[in-house]
Amino acid sequence: MRNTLGDLNNHLFAQLERLGDEELTGEKLEAEINRARAVMGVASKIIDTGALVLEAQRFVDDKLNADAQLPKMLEGGN
């Protein structure tokens, strides 16, 4: 199975719909909120990893360019 960012987007919207269910109350609502926090944490890591991969690919694409700038995280400065 191969997941995509589109799949992640669909999953996040499904989670949002579950949180918007007005029939959820008490313990069921609290459990759904905890589930949403867990989903959000995993989704954030997936998005961060995707951004890092994209930045790395841009760097590779520019490696033959003598005027290329290092990504800020690799400059070594503050």
C-alpha atoms as a PDB file:
ATOM      1  CA  MET A   1       0.000   0.000   0.000  1.00  0.00           C
ATOM      2  CA  ARG A   2       1.259   3.458  -0.890  1.00  0.00           C
ATOM      3  CA  ASN A   3      -0.179   6.516   0.829  1.00  0.00           C
ATOM      4  CA  THR A   4      -0.106   9.966  -0.691  1.00  0.00           C
ATOM      5  CA  LEU A   5      -0.456  13.501   0.611  1.00  0.00           C
ATOM      6  CA  GLY A   6      -3.926  13.427  -0.948  1.00  0.00           C
ATOM      7  CA  ASP A   7      -4.760  10.440   1.275  1.00  0.00           C
ATOM      8  CA  LEU A   8      -3.484  12.382   4.276  1.00  0.00           C
ATOM      9  CA  ASN A   9      -5.631  15.350   3.300  1.00  0.00           C
ATOM     10  CA  ASN A  10      -8.710  13.122   3.053  1.00  0.00           C
ATOM     11  CA  HIS A  11      -7.934  11.556   6.421  1.00  0.00           C
ATOM     12  CA  LEU A  12      -7.553  14.975   8.059  1.00  0.00           C
ATOM     13  CA  PHE A  13     -10.888  16.160   6.676  1.00  0.00           C
ATOM     14  CA  ALA A  14     -12.539  12.958   7.873  1.00  0.00           C
ATOM     15  CA  GLN A  15     -11.118  13.608  11.331  1.00  0.00           C
ATOM     16  CA  LEU A  16     -12.464  17.146  11.207  1.00  0.00           C
ATOM     17  CA  GLU A  17     -15.920  15.798  10.364  1.00  0.00           C
ATOM     18  CA  ARG A  18     -15.768  13.395  13.324  1.00  0.00           C
ATOM     19  CA  LEU A  19     -14.869  16.277  15.630  1.00  0.00           C
ATOM     20  CA  GLY A  20     -17.808  18.269  14.285  1.00  0.00           C
ATOM     21  CA  ASP A  21     -20.302  15.532  15.163  1.00  0.00           C
ATOM     22  CA  GLU A  22     -22.667  17.293  17.567  1.00  0.00           C
ATOM     23  CA  GLU A  23     -23.887  13.965  18.940  1.00  0.00           C
ATOM     24  CA  LEU A  24     -20.472  13.241  20.450  1.00  0.00           C
ATOM     25  CA  THR A  25     -20.407  14.115  24.125  1.00  0.00           C
ATOM     26  CA  GLY A  26     -18.582  13.202  27.295  1.00  0.00           C
ATOM     27  CA  GLU A  27     -16.095  10.373  27.082  1.00  0.00           C
ATOM     28  CA  LYS A  28     -16.703   9.751  23.379  1.00  0.00           C
ATOM     29  CA  LEU A  29     -15.936  13.383  22.564  1.00  0.00           C
ATOM     30  CA  GLU A  30     -12.842  13.317  24.761  1.00  0.00           C
ATOM     31  CA  ALA A  31     -11.640  10.131  23.051  1.00  0.00           C
ATOM     32  CA  GLU A  32     -12.163  11.720  19.625  1.00  0.00           C
ATOM     33  CA  ILE A  33     -10.246  14.836  20.697  1.00  0.00           C
ATOM     34  CA  ASN A  34      -7.346  12.649  21.859  1.00  0.00           C
ATOM     35  CA  ARG A  35      -7.471  10.755  18.580  1.00  0.00           C
ATOM     36  CA  ALA A  36      -7.417  14.063  16.674  1.00  0.00           C
ATOM     37  CA  ARG A  37      -4.332  15.173  18.620  1.00  0.00           C
ATOM     38  CA  ALA A  38      -2.563  11.933  17.722  1.00  0.00           C
ATOM     39  CA  VAL A  39      -3.542  12.244  14.054  1.00  0.00           C
ATOM     40  CA  MET A  40      -2.372  15.864  14.047  1.00  0.00           C
ATOM     41  CA  GLY A  41       1.006  14.878  15.490  1.00  0.00           C
ATOM     42  CA  VAL A  42       1.588  12.178  12.887  1.00  0.00           C
ATOM     43  CA  ALA A  43       0.329  14.414  10.071  1.00  0.00           C
ATOM     44  CA  SER A  44       2.691  17.199  11.143  1.00  0.00           C
ATOM     45  CA  LYS A  45       5.662  14.838  10.982  1.00  0.00           C
ATOM     46  CA  ILE A  46       4.612  13.601   7.545  1.00  0.00           C
ATOM     47  CA  ILE A  47       4.302  17.170   6.294  1.00  0.00           C
ATOM     48  CA  ASP A  48       7.657  18.165   7.844  1.00  0.00           C
ATOM     49  CA  THR A  49       9.331  15.173   6.207  1.00  0.00           C
ATOM     50  CA  GLY A  50       7.783  16.043   2.842  1.00  0.00           C
ATOM     51  CA  ALA A  51       9.019  19.629   3.147  1.00  0.00           C
ATOM     52  CA  LEU A  52      12.535  18.385   3.960  1.00  0.00           C
ATOM     53  CA  VAL A  53      12.523  16.027   0.965  1.00  0.00           C
ATOM     54  CA  LEU A  54      11.376  18.875  -1.281  1.00  0.00           C
ATOM     55  CA  GLU A  55      14.093  21.189   0.061  1.00  0.00           C
ATOM     56  CA  ALA A  56      16.729  18.481  -0.445  1.00  0.00           C
ATOM     57  CA  GLN A  57      15.573  17.921  -4.023  1.00  0.00           C
ATOM     58  CA  ARG A  58      15.765  21.641  -4.729  1.00  0.00           C
ATOM     59  CA  PHE A  59      19.309  21.652  -3.373  1.00  0.00           C
ATOM     60  CA  VAL A  60      20.264  18.684  -5.584  1.00  0.00           C
ATOM     61  CA  ASP A  61      18.690  20.381  -8.604  1.00  0.00           C
ATOM     62  CA  ASP A  62      20.757  23.516  -7.942  1.00  0.00           C
ATOM     63  CA  LYS A  63      24.057  21.762  -7.141  1.00  0.00           C
ATOM     64  CA  LEU A  64      25.548  22.606 -10.535  1.00  0.00           C
ATOM     65  CA  ASN A  65      24.618  26.250 -10.154  1.00  0.00           C
ATOM     66  CA  ALA A  66      27.650  28.135  -8.792  1.00  0.00           C
ATOM     67  CA  ASP A  67      25.350  30.848  -7.448  1.00  0.00           C
ATOM     68  CA  ALA A  68      23.171  28.426  -5.460  1.00  0.00           C
ATOM     69  CA  GLN A  69      22.442  29.401  -1.866  1.00  0.00           C
ATOM     70  CA  LEU A  70      22.537  26.829   0.924  1.00  0.00           C
ATOM     71  CA  PRO A  71      19.225  26.267   2.682  1.00  0.00           C
ATOM     72  CA  LYS A  72      19.076  28.371   5.864  1.00  0.00           C
ATOM     73  CA  MET A  73      19.256  25.277   8.064  1.00  0.00           C
ATOM     74  CA  LEU A  74      22.623  24.349   6.458  1.00  0.00           C
ATOM     75  CA  GLU A  75      24.282  27.782   6.493  1.00  0.00           C
ATOM     76  CA  GLY A  76      25.732  27.224   9.952  1.00  0.00           C
ATOM     77  CA  GLY A  77      24.899  30.746  11.104  1.00  0.00           C
ATOM     78  CA  ASN A  78      22.301  31.938  13.539  1.00  0.00           C
END
